[in-house]
Amino acid sequence: MGRTDILQERMIQTMPLPRPEDPVRTAIIRLAAAAVGEAPIQATPTEVPGHEQEMGRAIAQANLGAVLARVDAAPTNWSEASSATWRFTAQADTMAGAESDWLDAWGRILQVPRYNGEIDLNYRLRIANEVIAPSTTNMGLALMVDRLLGVQGTIVLEGEGFFGNRRLNDGHRMNNGGRLMALGAFGADSLDNTFVVITPIPVQDQQEQDVADLCDRKRAAGNRLLTITNDGLVPHITAPPFAVQGQLYIVRVLYPESGATYTWSATNGTIQSGQGTAQITVISPAVGTAAFTVTQSGGIGNGKGATKVVTVVAPVPATITTDVTEAPAGQSNHTASLPAQLGAAYQWTITNGFLVSGQGTAAIVFGVGAADDVNGAQTSIGVTATDLGTGTQSTGNAGIAILPYPRQASLTTGLLSLDQMETGSLTMGHKIRVQSISTNVAARVRLYATAAQRDADMNRADGTKIANNNLGLIAEGRTGSGTMSFTFWPEAVGSNGDTPQTKTIYYTITNYDAAPQNVATTINFIQSE
């Protein structure tokens, strides 16, 4: 395949030309062939119907000379397979003839319009580059943008690689505030087949439009320009505008570079986790402002940094106070509240219970749900308090044990000699069902309804009946060597006998070990009331 054939194929792939039999197309191919030295220009105005005053004179006046060049060595062959490694470059000093309106005519026919204010010399060079050079690759497109802007260092990256796997829509903003381009059918919000142009200098509106036009003409079929930016690789920090004092929140780099690391520093912010990564979890101890600075290491944005400031506000009060901590199953008309704050909204939730009234306010009336005397059950109350001015939130929780409820009471006596007794009391409930008692050494444990009944029974020996028909004994048991616990079946049931009734249960514990001991005792029971 000759260079003219290759050139023709490249032009067919990259330029929207007329049909093969169209004489305009024939004249363009002859022009390009002459430019690379394979054939003279022989087109006449009669070969180009409808373009006599435009195409014919331009062909007659233009001499688009070009040389074949390779980046690393002199060329030895030219084939379609290796064409991606080759490119045509045009030399301005060999371009003579067409100028002004005639040069504009060339540009219109070859679909390379002149930029606003572009001089003939630069325009001739760009026509040759855009028509002849295969620049649909990222590197080729970057070189063309460099020439357009008169700079060096433009980078073209794949959109998906640049932004990671994030999905964006038209109208979103880049780091420097520039809008994402809205070319073609980009509204499908996919980064597939998109590319990003990163220029080494800021570009003005007209320059940005020129670059966009260039990319639109030279992009490969199906590829779309996502954005043009000069600082798109500066770390862009995102964080909530307001944070709550003492609460965790997240600060992160939006669109981090793959393989890069990020070093964070903070003022009025303690980094809890994430140092070295693109996302940190922080907590601010004081009301006021918090500042977070990040510096990138590695990647194209190496050494670049940014700072984000967050306003830290006091939390909305959300500590719940309830009228009870335990209640019988199904009981209602209990209350829960928290300090009301002007400009705050409240959302309550209740699990294993029901709301009677007060949703949206700082105080509610509620009822409790079903009990579980094996595993225990409770009514859980939650609230989210929102400051309507800042949008910050605080949460609170409380629990109500539902009776009957399984519980455990533990105590350790002072040092007791053999047969020495200690008396005392425990808070256990208005009514209890004792399931088991265990000790760490041989001992005797007795539980009573009142202190008087306990004291009256202190001298009763093991195995004897209760004197004077004393009904205040709730439970009695003795542990010994190898059996440090005993179970009550049926359960030992009893109630506090004080007036008015309390949740106090009274006890005596006697050491039966030969050596002095601190007797550790555990009582498993169900609180019924």
Protein backbone atom coordinates (compact mmCIF):
# COMPACT_ATOMS: atom_id res chain seq x y z
CA MET A 1 0.00 0.00 0.00
CA GLY A 2 1.47 3.37 -1.07
CA ARG A 3 1.55 6.51 1.00
CA THR A 4 -1.28 8.00 -1.06
CA ASP A 5 -3.44 4.95 -0.30
CA ILE A 6 -2.62 5.16 3.39
CA LEU A 7 -3.32 8.88 3.41
CA GLN A 8 -6.62 8.33 1.65
CA GLU A 9 -7.66 5.73 4.25
CA ARG A 10 -6.65 8.05 7.09
CA MET A 11 -8.60 10.93 5.60
CA ILE A 12 -11.65 8.71 5.12
CA GLN A 13 -11.45 7.66 8.79
CA THR A 14 -10.89 11.11 10.27
CA MET A 15 -12.65 13.54 7.90
CA PRO A 16 -16.28 13.67 6.81
CA LEU A 17 -15.73 13.77 3.00
CA PRO A 18 -18.12 13.55 0.04
CA ARG A 19 -18.88 10.24 -1.65
CA PRO A 20 -15.95 8.49 -3.45
CA GLU A 21 -17.19 9.55 -6.91
CA ASP A 22 -17.49 13.19 -5.84
CA PRO A 23 -14.86 15.31 -7.72
CA VAL A 24 -14.33 17.47 -4.62
CA ARG A 25 -13.05 14.41 -2.80
CA THR A 26 -10.89 13.47 -5.78
CA ALA A 27 -9.32 16.92 -5.81
CA ILE A 28 -8.60 16.82 -2.04
CA ILE A 29 -6.85 13.44 -2.35
CA ARG A 30 -4.80 14.74 -5.29
CA LEU A 31 -3.85 17.75 -3.24
CA ALA A 32 -2.71 15.57 -0.33
CA ALA A 33 -0.84 13.23 -2.68
CA ALA A 34 1.03 16.18 -4.16
CA ALA A 35 1.84 17.37 -0.67
CA VAL A 36 3.75 14.15 0.06
CA GLY A 37 5.40 14.10 -3.37
CA GLU A 38 3.51 11.26 -5.04
CA ALA A 39 1.58 13.13 -7.74
CA PRO A 40 1.30 16.65 -9.16
CA ILE A 41 -1.80 18.78 -8.64
CA GLN A 42 -3.83 18.57 -11.83
CA ALA A 43 -7.24 19.60 -10.61
CA THR A 44 -9.05 22.26 -12.59
CA PRO A 45 -12.13 24.28 -11.79
CA THR A 46 -14.21 22.10 -14.11
CA GLU A 47 -13.42 19.04 -11.97
CA VAL A 48 -14.99 20.69 -8.95
CA PRO A 49 -18.56 21.61 -9.88
CA GLY A 50 -20.01 24.26 -7.63
CA HIS A 51 -16.63 25.24 -6.21
CA GLU A 52 -14.92 26.86 -9.24
CA GLN A 53 -14.28 30.19 -7.54
CA GLU A 54 -13.22 28.53 -4.32
CA MET A 55 -11.66 25.09 -4.70
CA GLY A 56 -10.03 25.67 -8.08
CA ARG A 57 -8.22 28.88 -7.17
CA ALA A 58 -7.16 27.47 -3.81
CA ILE A 59 -5.67 24.39 -5.45
CA ALA A 60 -3.95 26.54 -8.02
CA GLN A 61 -2.40 28.85 -5.42
CA ALA A 62 -1.58 26.39 -2.60
CA ASN A 63 1.49 24.24 -2.30
CA LEU A 64 0.99 22.08 0.76
CA GLY A 65 4.40 20.45 1.03
CA ALA A 66 4.91 17.89 3.78
CA VAL A 67 7.55 15.43 4.86
CA LEU A 68 7.14 12.00 6.42
CA ALA A 69 8.79 11.83 9.83
CA ARG A 70 9.23 9.32 12.65
CA VAL A 71 9.93 10.21 16.26
CA ASP A 72 12.77 7.74 16.89
CA ALA A 73 14.37 7.03 13.50
CA ALA A 74 14.24 7.61 9.75
CA PRO A 75 11.42 5.67 8.11
CA THR A 76 12.20 2.43 6.30
CA ASN A 77 8.70 1.41 5.24
CA TRP A 78 5.13 2.59 5.34
CA SER A 79 2.27 0.23 5.97
CA GLU A 80 -1.16 0.38 7.51
CA ALA A 81 0.00 -1.83 10.38
CA SER A 82 2.74 0.56 11.44
CA SER A 83 0.98 3.80 10.59
CA ALA A 84 0.11 4.48 14.24
CA THR A 85 3.82 5.08 14.92
CA TRP A 86 4.15 7.59 12.13
CA ARG A 87 2.83 11.08 11.69
CA PHE A 88 2.93 13.79 9.02
CA THR A 89 4.32 17.18 9.99
CA ALA A 90 4.03 20.17 7.75
CA GLN A 91 6.74 22.82 7.53
CA ALA A 92 5.47 26.35 7.43
CA ASP A 93 8.27 27.61 5.22
CA THR A 94 7.17 25.29 2.40
CA MET A 95 3.56 26.55 2.47
CA ALA A 96 3.10 29.34 -0.02
CA GLY A 97 0.40 30.68 -2.28
CA ALA A 98 -3.00 30.75 -0.65
CA GLU A 99 -3.67 33.52 1.82
CA SER A 100 -6.51 35.56 3.27
CA ASP A 101 -9.86 34.62 1.70
CA TRP A 102 -8.23 31.96 -0.49
CA LEU A 103 -6.77 30.28 2.56
CA ASP A 104 -10.17 30.52 4.26
CA ALA A 105 -11.64 28.73 1.22
CA TRP A 106 -9.17 25.89 1.73
CA GLY A 107 -10.16 25.73 5.39
CA ARG A 108 -13.88 25.53 4.65
CA ILE A 109 -13.47 22.77 2.08
CA LEU A 110 -11.12 20.77 4.30
CA GLN A 111 -13.37 21.42 7.32
CA VAL A 112 -10.66 23.22 9.30
CA PRO A 113 -12.13 26.68 9.96
CA ARG A 114 -9.85 29.56 10.90
CA TYR A 115 -9.71 30.54 14.58
CA ASN A 116 -10.64 34.07 15.51
CA GLY A 117 -7.55 36.24 14.91
CA GLU A 118 -5.42 33.37 13.56
CA ILE A 119 -2.76 34.61 11.10
CA ASP A 120 -2.21 32.94 7.72
CA LEU A 121 1.10 31.36 8.66
CA ASN A 122 -0.32 29.56 11.69
CA TYR A 123 -3.48 28.70 9.81
CA ARG A 124 -1.55 27.00 6.95
CA LEU A 125 0.42 24.97 9.45
CA ARG A 126 -2.73 23.90 11.30
CA ILE A 127 -4.55 22.93 8.08
CA ALA A 128 -1.69 20.63 7.14
CA ASN A 129 -1.47 19.18 10.64
CA GLU A 130 -5.19 18.55 11.02
CA VAL A 131 -5.75 17.19 7.51
CA ILE A 132 -2.64 15.03 7.21
CA ALA A 133 -1.58 14.11 10.78
CA PRO A 134 -3.37 11.13 12.35
CA SER A 135 -3.98 12.81 15.76
CA THR A 136 -6.89 10.88 17.20
CA THR A 137 -4.56 9.33 19.80
CA ASN A 138 -4.25 11.06 23.18
CA MET A 139 -0.63 12.00 22.49
CA GLY A 140 -1.39 13.34 19.03
CA LEU A 141 -4.34 15.36 20.28
CA ALA A 142 -2.23 16.80 23.12
CA LEU A 143 0.41 17.97 20.63
CA MET A 144 -2.24 19.68 18.52
CA VAL A 145 -3.61 21.51 21.58
CA ASP A 146 -0.05 22.58 22.44
CA ARG A 147 0.37 24.05 18.96
CA LEU A 148 -3.02 25.74 19.12
CA LEU A 149 -2.25 27.44 22.46
CA GLY A 150 1.46 27.96 21.83
CA VAL A 151 2.39 25.95 24.94
CA GLN A 152 4.06 22.69 25.88
CA GLY A 153 2.87 20.06 28.30
CA THR A 154 -0.81 19.49 27.50
CA ILE A 155 -2.01 16.09 28.71
CA VAL A 156 -4.98 14.11 27.39
CA LEU A 157 -6.31 11.38 29.69
CA GLU A 158 -9.14 8.90 29.50
CA GLY A 159 -12.15 10.20 31.41
CA GLU A 160 -12.74 6.99 33.33
CA GLY A 161 -9.09 6.71 34.37
CA PHE A 162 -8.99 10.37 35.38
CA PHE A 163 -12.08 10.25 37.58
CA GLY A 164 -11.87 6.64 38.73
CA ASN A 165 -15.19 4.82 38.41
CA ARG A 166 -17.37 7.77 39.37
CA ARG A 167 -20.45 8.63 37.37
CA LEU A 168 -21.13 12.25 36.43
CA ASN A 169 -23.81 14.18 34.57
CA ASP A 170 -23.61 17.31 32.45
CA GLY A 171 -23.71 20.39 34.63
CA HIS A 172 -21.50 19.01 37.40
CA ARG A 173 -18.48 21.14 38.21
CA MET A 174 -14.79 20.40 37.93
CA ASN A 175 -12.24 21.27 40.61
CA ASN A 176 -11.51 24.68 39.09
CA GLY A 177 -15.20 25.44 38.69
CA GLY A 178 -15.23 24.84 34.92
CA ARG A 179 -18.32 23.11 33.63
CA LEU A 180 -18.17 19.68 32.14
CA MET A 181 -18.57 19.92 28.38
CA ALA A 182 -22.03 19.16 27.02
CA LEU A 183 -21.13 17.67 23.65
CA GLY A 184 -23.38 15.27 21.81
CA ALA A 185 -25.16 12.63 23.88
CA PHE A 186 -23.04 12.94 26.99
CA GLY A 187 -26.15 13.10 29.15
CA ALA A 188 -26.02 9.32 29.57
CA ASP A 189 -23.81 10.02 32.63
CA SER A 190 -21.18 7.44 31.69
CA LEU A 191 -17.43 8.09 31.59
CA ASP A 192 -16.89 5.39 28.98
CA ASN A 193 -15.19 6.69 25.81
CA THR A 194 -14.59 10.15 27.23
CA PHE A 195 -11.35 12.09 27.58
CA VAL A 196 -10.02 15.03 29.60
CA VAL A 197 -7.73 17.79 28.30
CA ILE A 198 -5.38 19.20 30.98
CA THR A 199 -3.55 22.33 29.84
CA PRO A 200 -0.39 23.69 31.54
CA ILE A 201 -1.90 27.20 31.70
CA PRO A 202 -5.38 28.56 32.41
CA VAL A 203 -7.44 28.95 29.23
CA GLN A 204 -9.85 31.78 28.57
CA ASP A 205 -13.37 31.32 27.25
CA GLN A 206 -12.45 31.69 23.56
CA GLN A 207 -9.38 29.48 23.93
CA GLU A 208 -11.47 26.87 25.67
CA GLN A 209 -13.97 26.98 22.82
CA ASP A 210 -11.13 26.67 20.26
CA VAL A 211 -9.76 23.62 22.07
CA ALA A 212 -13.24 22.12 22.28
CA ASP A 213 -13.77 22.68 18.55
CA LEU A 214 -10.40 21.10 17.76
CA CYS A 215 -11.17 18.06 19.91
CA ASP A 216 -14.61 17.73 18.38
CA ARG A 217 -13.08 17.59 14.90
CA LYS A 218 -10.18 15.30 15.71
CA ARG A 219 -11.67 12.94 18.28
CA ALA A 220 -12.11 9.33 17.26
CA ALA A 221 -15.59 8.18 16.44
CA GLY A 222 -17.62 7.70 19.61
CA ASN A 223 -15.21 9.53 21.90
CA ARG A 224 -16.41 12.62 23.76
CA LEU A 225 -14.62 15.52 25.39
CA LEU A 226 -15.42 15.55 29.09
CA THR A 227 -13.72 18.75 30.26
CA ILE A 228 -10.85 21.17 29.72
CA THR A 229 -9.02 22.17 32.89
CA ASN A 230 -5.61 23.42 33.96
CA ASP A 231 -5.84 22.47 37.63
CA GLY A 232 -8.03 19.38 37.47
CA LEU A 233 -5.36 17.37 39.29
CA VAL A 234 -5.16 19.69 42.29
CA PRO A 235 -6.70 17.69 45.17
CA HIS A 236 -10.27 18.87 45.59
CA ILE A 237 -11.48 18.41 49.18
CA THR A 238 -15.12 17.82 49.97
CA ALA A 239 -16.57 17.96 53.49
CA PRO A 240 -19.86 18.95 55.13
CA PRO A 241 -20.23 22.73 55.45
CA PHE A 242 -21.17 22.28 59.10
CA ALA A 243 -19.95 19.68 61.60
CA VAL A 244 -21.14 18.97 65.13
CA GLN A 245 -18.72 19.46 67.99
CA GLY A 246 -17.59 16.09 69.32
CA GLN A 247 -19.16 14.05 66.51
CA LEU A 248 -17.31 12.10 63.81
CA TYR A 249 -17.47 13.30 60.21
CA ILE A 250 -15.68 12.57 56.93
CA VAL A 251 -13.34 14.76 54.87
CA ARG A 252 -12.14 13.37 51.54
CA VAL A 253 -10.48 14.13 48.21
CA LEU A 254 -12.96 14.14 45.35
CA TYR A 255 -11.61 12.28 42.29
CA PRO A 256 -8.35 10.97 43.85
CA GLU A 257 -5.59 9.79 41.52
CA SER A 258 -4.97 6.08 41.40
CA GLY A 259 -1.74 5.14 43.17
CA ALA A 260 -1.31 8.52 44.89
CA THR A 261 -1.07 9.00 48.66
CA TYR A 262 -2.44 11.94 50.63
CA THR A 263 -0.95 13.55 53.75
CA TRP A 264 -3.43 15.42 55.93
CA SER A 265 -3.07 18.04 58.66
CA ALA A 266 -5.89 19.56 60.71
CA THR A 267 -6.69 22.56 62.88
CA ASN A 268 -9.45 21.97 65.46
CA GLY A 269 -9.77 18.47 64.11
CA THR A 270 -8.40 15.16 65.36
CA ILE A 271 -7.84 12.60 62.60
CA GLN A 272 -9.30 9.30 63.82
CA SER A 273 -8.45 7.22 60.74
CA GLY A 274 -7.44 7.42 57.07
CA GLN A 275 -4.12 9.31 57.21
CA GLY A 276 -2.28 8.64 53.94
CA THR A 277 -5.46 7.88 52.03
CA ALA A 278 -7.94 10.06 50.12
CA GLN A 279 -10.49 9.94 52.97
CA ILE A 280 -10.14 10.69 56.68
CA THR A 281 -12.53 10.42 59.61
CA VAL A 282 -12.20 13.36 62.01
CA ILE A 283 -13.70 14.87 65.15
CA SER A 284 -13.61 18.55 66.13
CA PRO A 285 -13.38 19.25 69.88
CA ALA A 286 -14.33 22.95 69.86
CA VAL A 287 -17.05 25.16 68.38
CA GLY A 288 -15.74 27.52 65.68
CA THR A 289 -13.92 26.55 62.49
CA ALA A 290 -11.84 23.53 61.52
CA ALA A 291 -9.33 23.55 58.65
CA PHE A 292 -8.03 20.51 56.78
CA THR A 293 -5.02 20.61 54.43
CA VAL A 294 -3.98 17.76 52.14
CA THR A 295 -0.85 17.29 50.04
CA GLN A 296 -0.69 14.70 47.27
CA SER A 297 2.33 12.46 46.71
CA GLY A 298 2.66 10.63 43.42
CA GLY A 299 0.64 10.87 40.24
CA ILE A 300 0.32 13.84 37.94
CA GLY A 301 -0.77 16.01 40.86
CA ASN A 302 2.39 15.20 42.86
CA GLY A 303 3.19 17.96 45.35
CA LYS A 304 -0.10 19.80 44.89
CA GLY A 305 -2.27 20.63 47.88
CA ALA A 306 -5.55 22.16 48.98
CA THR A 307 -7.33 23.32 52.14
CA LYS A 308 -10.95 23.01 53.25
CA VAL A 309 -12.62 24.93 56.09
CA VAL A 310 -15.60 23.54 58.04
CA THR A 311 -17.80 25.40 60.50
CA VAL A 312 -18.14 23.52 63.80
CA VAL A 313 -21.38 24.08 65.74
CA ALA A 314 -22.62 22.97 69.15
CA PRO A 315 -24.76 19.82 69.13
CA VAL A 316 -28.52 20.05 69.43
CA PRO A 317 -29.38 18.62 72.89
CA ALA A 318 -30.54 15.03 72.47
CA THR A 319 -30.19 13.39 75.90
CA ILE A 320 -33.47 11.60 76.61
CA THR A 321 -35.03 11.61 80.08
CA THR A 322 -37.80 9.08 80.84
CA ASP A 323 -40.21 8.88 83.77
CA VAL A 324 -39.35 5.20 84.37
CA THR A 325 -36.50 2.79 83.61
CA GLU A 326 -38.73 -0.30 83.81
CA ALA A 327 -42.42 -0.98 83.36
CA PRO A 328 -44.83 -3.93 83.06
CA ALA A 329 -45.57 -5.20 79.58
CA GLY A 330 -48.22 -3.18 77.73
CA GLN A 331 -48.27 -0.28 80.14
CA SER A 332 -48.79 3.15 78.51
CA ASN A 333 -48.78 6.86 79.36
CA HIS A 334 -45.07 6.99 80.14
CA THR A 335 -43.09 10.08 79.08
CA ALA A 336 -39.77 10.78 77.38
CA SER A 337 -38.33 14.25 76.74
CA LEU A 338 -35.20 16.28 76.02
CA PRO A 339 -34.31 19.98 76.33
CA ALA A 340 -36.13 21.89 73.58
CA GLN A 341 -34.07 24.16 71.32
CA LEU A 342 -35.49 26.97 69.21
CA GLY A 343 -35.20 26.20 65.49
CA ALA A 344 -34.85 22.43 66.01
CA ALA A 345 -36.98 19.58 64.69
CA TYR A 346 -37.38 16.20 66.37
CA GLN A 347 -38.05 12.74 64.94
CA TRP A 348 -38.80 9.96 67.44
CA THR A 349 -38.65 6.19 66.92
CA ILE A 350 -39.92 3.46 69.28
CA THR A 351 -39.12 -0.25 69.07
CA ASN A 352 -41.20 -2.81 71.01
CA GLY A 353 -43.52 -0.10 72.16
CA PHE A 354 -45.83 2.55 70.77
CA LEU A 355 -46.03 6.33 70.48
CA VAL A 356 -49.08 7.90 72.04
CA SER A 357 -48.44 11.57 71.22
CA GLY A 358 -45.77 14.26 70.71
CA GLN A 359 -44.05 13.30 67.44
CA GLY A 360 -42.07 16.30 66.11
CA THR A 361 -41.75 17.94 69.53
CA ALA A 362 -39.20 17.66 72.34
CA ALA A 363 -41.52 15.52 74.56
CA ILE A 364 -43.58 12.40 73.86
CA VAL A 365 -45.99 10.01 75.59
CA PHE A 366 -45.36 6.31 74.88
CA GLY A 367 -46.24 2.78 75.88
CA VAL A 368 -44.10 -0.35 76.33
CA GLY A 369 -44.33 -3.59 74.39
CA ALA A 370 -44.10 -7.30 75.15
CA ALA A 371 -41.92 -8.94 77.81
CA ASP A 372 -39.50 -11.85 77.53
CA ASP A 373 -38.66 -13.38 80.92
CA VAL A 374 -36.05 -15.69 79.38
CA ASN A 375 -33.92 -13.38 77.27
CA GLY A 376 -35.23 -10.05 78.49
CA ALA A 377 -36.99 -7.39 76.42
CA GLN A 378 -37.04 -3.62 76.44
CA THR A 379 -38.74 -0.71 74.73
CA SER A 380 -36.09 1.24 72.82
CA ILE A 381 -36.63 4.96 72.29
CA GLY A 382 -34.57 7.00 69.78
CA VAL A 383 -34.63 10.62 68.69
CA THR A 384 -32.91 12.61 65.93
CA ALA A 385 -32.72 16.32 66.68
CA THR A 386 -32.01 18.52 63.64
CA ASP A 387 -30.87 22.14 63.67
CA LEU A 388 -32.92 23.59 60.81
CA GLY A 389 -30.43 26.43 60.34
CA THR A 390 -27.30 24.33 59.77
CA GLY A 391 -28.76 20.93 58.98
CA THR A 392 -26.61 19.32 61.68
CA GLN A 393 -28.08 16.48 63.70
CA SER A 394 -27.72 14.86 67.11
CA THR A 395 -29.15 11.54 68.22
CA GLY A 396 -30.23 10.17 71.59
CA ASN A 397 -31.36 6.79 72.88
CA ALA A 398 -33.04 5.35 75.98
CA GLY A 399 -34.30 1.92 77.01
CA ILE A 400 -37.15 0.76 79.26
CA ALA A 401 -36.86 -2.76 80.69
CA ILE A 402 -40.16 -4.63 80.27
CA LEU A 403 -41.25 -6.68 83.28
CA PRO A 404 -40.99 -9.58 83.93
CA TYR A 405 -37.29 -9.26 83.15
CA PRO A 406 -34.40 -11.66 83.92
CA ARG A 407 -31.73 -10.08 86.10
CA GLN A 408 -28.67 -10.93 88.17
CA ALA A 409 -27.52 -9.54 91.51
CA SER A 410 -23.96 -9.96 92.81
CA LEU A 411 -22.15 -9.06 96.03
CA THR A 412 -19.02 -9.98 98.02
CA THR A 413 -18.96 -10.04 101.80
CA GLY A 414 -16.25 -8.81 104.07
CA LEU A 415 -13.75 -11.35 105.43
CA LEU A 416 -15.77 -13.94 107.37
CA SER A 417 -14.47 -16.64 109.68
CA LEU A 418 -16.02 -20.12 109.83
CA ASP A 419 -19.75 -19.83 110.74
CA GLN A 420 -19.55 -16.02 110.77
CA MET A 421 -22.59 -14.24 109.23
CA GLU A 422 -23.04 -10.99 107.33
CA THR A 423 -26.39 -9.23 106.83
CA GLY A 424 -27.41 -6.70 104.20
CA SER A 425 -29.86 -5.84 101.42
CA LEU A 426 -30.06 -5.71 97.61
CA THR A 427 -32.30 -3.79 95.21
CA MET A 428 -34.06 -6.52 93.25
CA GLY A 429 -37.72 -5.58 92.68
CA HIS A 430 -41.15 -5.33 94.23
CA LYS A 431 -41.70 -9.00 93.41
CA ILE A 432 -39.07 -11.55 92.37
CA ARG A 433 -38.73 -15.18 91.25
CA VAL A 434 -35.40 -16.60 92.38
CA GLN A 435 -33.93 -19.12 89.92
CA SER A 436 -30.48 -19.94 91.33
CA ILE A 437 -27.81 -18.89 93.84
CA SER A 438 -24.06 -19.58 93.61
CA THR A 439 -21.04 -18.82 95.82
CA ASN A 440 -17.29 -19.12 95.47
CA VAL A 441 -16.84 -21.08 98.73
CA ALA A 442 -19.05 -23.21 100.97
CA ALA A 443 -21.71 -20.89 102.36
CA ARG A 444 -25.39 -20.45 103.26
CA VAL A 445 -27.58 -17.74 101.67
CA ARG A 446 -31.03 -16.68 102.90
CA LEU A 447 -33.32 -14.02 101.30
CA TYR A 448 -36.13 -12.19 103.19
CA ALA A 449 -39.03 -9.81 102.56
CA THR A 450 -38.22 -7.46 105.45
CA ALA A 451 -35.25 -6.62 107.66
CA ALA A 452 -37.26 -7.55 110.77
CA GLN A 453 -38.08 -11.00 109.46
CA ARG A 454 -34.43 -11.52 108.55
CA ASP A 455 -33.18 -10.45 111.96
CA ALA A 456 -35.71 -12.66 113.76
CA ASP A 457 -34.45 -15.70 111.87
CA MET A 458 -30.67 -15.15 112.25
CA ASN A 459 -30.15 -17.87 114.92
CA ARG A 460 -32.14 -20.64 113.26
CA ALA A 461 -30.00 -23.67 112.60
CA ASP A 462 -29.85 -25.40 109.24
CA GLY A 463 -32.56 -28.00 108.71
CA THR A 464 -34.97 -26.58 111.32
CA LYS A 465 -38.40 -25.10 110.77
CA ILE A 466 -39.02 -21.34 110.77
CA ALA A 467 -40.11 -20.20 114.24
CA ASN A 468 -43.44 -18.45 114.83
CA ASN A 469 -44.66 -19.27 111.31
CA ASN A 470 -42.34 -16.59 109.87
CA LEU A 471 -43.45 -16.24 106.27
CA GLY A 472 -40.86 -13.63 105.30
CA LEU A 473 -38.28 -16.14 104.03
CA ILE A 474 -38.16 -16.01 100.23
CA ALA A 475 -35.29 -18.41 99.48
CA GLU A 476 -32.64 -20.40 101.33
CA GLY A 477 -29.77 -22.53 100.07
CA ARG A 478 -26.39 -23.94 101.08
CA THR A 479 -23.38 -24.65 98.89
CA GLY A 480 -20.62 -27.13 99.71
CA SER A 481 -17.44 -28.64 98.37
CA GLY A 482 -17.96 -29.55 94.72
CA THR A 483 -21.42 -27.94 94.59
CA MET A 484 -21.07 -24.18 94.62
CA SER A 485 -24.56 -23.43 93.25
CA PHE A 486 -28.14 -24.59 93.72
CA THR A 487 -31.21 -24.15 91.54
CA PHE A 488 -34.76 -23.46 92.72
CA TRP A 489 -37.47 -25.44 90.97
CA PRO A 490 -40.10 -24.32 91.06
CA GLU A 491 -38.76 -20.82 91.34
CA ALA A 492 -38.70 -19.26 94.82
CA VAL A 493 -41.25 -16.45 94.65
CA GLY A 494 -41.46 -13.54 97.06
CA SER A 495 -42.11 -9.83 97.45
CA ASN A 496 -40.77 -6.92 99.43
CA GLY A 497 -42.76 -6.56 102.64
CA ASP A 498 -41.99 -2.94 103.53
CA THR A 499 -44.68 -0.29 103.86
CA PRO A 500 -44.75 1.44 101.45
CA GLN A 501 -43.41 -1.29 99.26
CA THR A 502 -39.87 -0.93 97.89
CA LYS A 503 -37.60 -3.01 95.62
CA THR A 504 -35.34 -4.05 98.52
CA ILE A 505 -34.68 -7.71 99.37
CA TYR A 506 -32.78 -8.55 102.59
CA TYR A 507 -30.18 -11.28 103.08
CA THR A 508 -27.86 -13.16 105.42
CA ILE A 509 -24.70 -14.91 104.16
CA THR A 510 -22.74 -17.33 106.40
CA ASN A 511 -19.25 -18.66 105.65
CA TYR A 512 -18.97 -22.45 106.00
CA ASP A 513 -15.38 -22.72 104.82
CA ALA A 514 -12.80 -23.63 107.47
CA ALA A 515 -10.62 -20.66 106.46
CA PRO A 516 -11.63 -17.00 106.59
CA GLN A 517 -13.23 -16.04 103.27
CA ASN A 518 -14.74 -13.14 101.33
CA VAL A 519 -17.87 -14.89 100.08
CA ALA A 520 -18.78 -13.88 96.52
CA THR A 521 -22.46 -14.51 95.82
CA THR A 522 -24.49 -14.38 92.58
CA ILE A 523 -28.30 -14.51 92.51
CA ASN A 524 -30.15 -15.14 89.25
CA PHE A 525 -33.80 -14.05 89.36
CA ILE A 526 -36.70 -12.64 87.36
CA GLN A 527 -38.05 -9.27 88.37
CA SER A 528 -41.81 -9.61 88.08
CA GLU A 529 -42.78 -6.17 89.38
